[in-house]
């Protein structure tokens, strides 16, 4: 009784896929949050350097302080990252990829069958009736 084996739980492939997908989504969100925190911290440091200490005050691309143009450009990249994590990757997940693969493989198999039928039809019509 002491050395009795415990019942092992069985995990099917669907559950493994769900766990893998959850891990990938968590990793994406962690990277996004890290990107956001880095954006806030580094932008704050740049503002202190530029406005507070006057570092690079003479540099004004497009007529604005360099810290503003840098922060705006980084904001665009951060918004693209948000869009990628919460919009694009949500709909284009592994299930979507599998469905696309099935569709494309089905189309390719249909094309192959069409070519085979065309070749078989060409062979039968090219035979000489005298032979």
Protein backbone atom coordinates (compact mmCIF):
# COMPACT_ATOMS: atom_id res chain seq x y z
CA UNK A 1 0.00 0.00 0.00
CA UNK A 2 2.84 2.38 0.70
CA UNK A 3 4.43 1.82 -2.69
CA UNK A 4 1.19 1.78 -4.56
CA UNK A 5 1.26 3.71 -7.80
CA UNK A 6 -1.00 6.70 -8.07
CA UNK A 7 -3.28 7.05 -11.01
CA UNK A 8 -1.58 9.07 -13.70
CA UNK A 9 -3.54 11.83 -15.29
CA UNK A 10 -3.79 11.82 -19.03
CA UNK A 11 -3.41 15.01 -20.94
CA UNK A 12 -4.58 15.01 -24.51
CA UNK A 13 -3.08 17.00 -27.37
CA UNK A 14 -5.77 19.67 -27.20
CA UNK A 15 -4.93 20.48 -23.59
CA UNK A 16 -1.22 20.66 -24.45
CA UNK A 17 -2.03 23.04 -27.33
CA UNK A 18 -4.11 25.20 -24.98
CA UNK A 19 -1.30 25.38 -22.43
CA UNK A 20 1.26 26.20 -25.13
CA UNK A 21 -1.00 28.93 -26.51
CA UNK A 22 -1.55 30.37 -23.03
CA UNK A 23 2.20 30.43 -22.39
CA UNK A 24 2.84 32.18 -25.70
CA UNK A 25 0.15 34.81 -24.96
CA UNK A 26 1.56 35.41 -21.48
CA UNK A 27 5.05 35.82 -22.97
CA UNK A 28 3.71 38.33 -25.52
CA UNK A 29 1.92 40.35 -22.84
CA UNK A 30 4.96 40.31 -20.54
CA UNK A 31 7.12 41.69 -23.35
CA UNK A 32 4.53 44.38 -24.06
CA UNK A 33 4.37 45.42 -20.41
CA UNK A 34 8.17 45.50 -20.24
CA UNK A 35 8.21 47.63 -23.39
CA UNK A 36 5.69 50.02 -21.81
CA UNK A 37 7.61 50.33 -18.52
CA UNK A 38 10.88 50.88 -20.39
CA UNK A 39 9.15 53.54 -22.49
CA UNK A 40 7.91 55.38 -19.40
CA UNK A 41 11.21 55.19 -17.54
CA UNK A 42 13.46 56.15 -20.45
CA UNK A 43 11.12 58.93 -21.59
CA UNK A 44 11.15 60.34 -18.06
CA UNK A 45 14.96 60.26 -18.01
CA UNK A 46 15.08 61.95 -21.43
CA UNK A 47 12.69 64.69 -20.27
CA UNK A 48 14.80 65.33 -17.18
CA UNK A 49 17.95 65.46 -19.31
CA UNK A 50 16.50 67.69 -22.00
CA UNK A 51 14.20 70.04 -20.15
CA UNK A 52 15.51 69.86 -16.60
CA UNK A 53 19.25 69.88 -17.31
CA UNK A 54 19.20 71.47 -20.76
CA UNK A 55 21.08 68.58 -22.39
CA UNK A 56 20.80 68.87 -26.18
CA UNK A 57 18.54 71.92 -25.97
CA UNK A 58 19.90 73.17 -29.30
CA UNK A 59 18.86 69.97 -31.10
CA UNK A 60 15.36 70.50 -32.44
CA UNK A 61 14.36 68.20 -35.31
CA UNK A 62 11.20 69.44 -37.07
CA UNK A 63 11.25 72.50 -34.80
CA UNK A 64 10.47 70.52 -31.63
CA UNK A 65 12.75 69.43 -28.78
CA UNK A 66 14.49 66.13 -29.53
CA UNK A 67 12.86 64.50 -26.52
CA UNK A 68 9.40 65.15 -27.96
CA UNK A 69 10.18 63.71 -31.39
CA UNK A 70 11.89 60.70 -29.82
CA UNK A 71 8.96 60.08 -27.47
CA UNK A 72 6.43 60.43 -30.31
CA UNK A 73 8.34 58.01 -32.50
CA UNK A 74 8.62 55.51 -29.65
CA UNK A 75 4.90 55.95 -28.94
CA UNK A 76 4.14 54.92 -32.53
CA UNK A 77 6.24 51.77 -32.11
CA UNK A 78 4.59 51.03 -28.77
CA UNK A 79 1.12 51.38 -30.32
CA UNK A 80 2.17 49.02 -33.12
CA UNK A 81 3.29 46.55 -30.46
CA UNK A 82 -0.07 46.88 -28.66
CA UNK A 83 -1.90 46.31 -31.96
CA UNK A 84 0.21 43.24 -32.66
CA UNK A 85 -0.40 41.67 -29.25
CA UNK A 86 -4.09 42.50 -28.72
CA UNK A 87 -5.44 42.50 -32.28
CA UNK A 88 -3.28 40.65 -34.78
CA UNK A 89 -2.06 37.76 -32.63
CA UNK A 90 -5.45 37.25 -31.01
CA UNK A 91 -7.11 36.39 -34.31
CA UNK A 92 -4.13 34.86 -36.07
CA UNK A 93 -3.46 32.26 -33.42
CA UNK A 94 -2.34 28.65 -33.91
CA UNK A 95 -5.91 27.52 -34.65
CA UNK A 96 -6.12 30.09 -37.45
CA UNK A 97 -2.74 28.92 -38.77
CA UNK A 98 -3.87 25.28 -38.79
CA UNK A 99 -7.06 26.22 -40.64
CA UNK A 100 -5.07 28.17 -43.23
CA UNK A 101 -2.69 25.24 -43.69
CA UNK A 102 -5.62 22.85 -44.21
CA UNK A 103 -7.17 25.22 -46.75
CA UNK A 104 -3.95 25.74 -48.68
CA UNK A 105 -3.07 22.03 -48.66
CA UNK A 106 -6.58 21.23 -49.90
CA UNK A 107 -6.21 23.75 -52.74
CA UNK A 108 -2.81 22.34 -53.66
CA UNK A 109 -4.13 18.76 -53.65
CA UNK A 110 -7.03 19.84 -55.88
CA UNK A 111 -4.57 21.42 -58.33
CA UNK A 112 -2.44 18.28 -58.35
CA UNK A 113 -5.50 16.12 -59.06
CA UNK A 114 -6.55 18.45 -61.87
CA UNK A 115 -3.08 18.23 -63.43
CA UNK A 116 -3.09 14.42 -63.07
CA UNK A 117 -6.48 14.16 -64.80
CA UNK A 118 -5.28 16.47 -67.54
CA UNK A 119 -2.15 14.36 -68.07
CA UNK A 120 -4.13 11.10 -68.06
CA UNK A 121 -6.62 12.56 -70.54
CA UNK A 122 -3.75 13.70 -72.78
CA UNK A 123 -2.15 10.25 -72.76
CA UNK A 124 -5.31 8.44 -73.82
CA UNK A 125 -5.99 10.83 -76.71
CA UNK A 126 -2.41 10.73 -77.96
CA UNK A 127 -2.45 6.96 -78.53
CA UNK A 128 -2.41 5.81 -82.11
CA UNK A 129 -5.59 3.92 -83.08
CA UNK A 130 -3.61 1.76 -85.57
CA UNK A 131 -1.37 0.20 -82.96
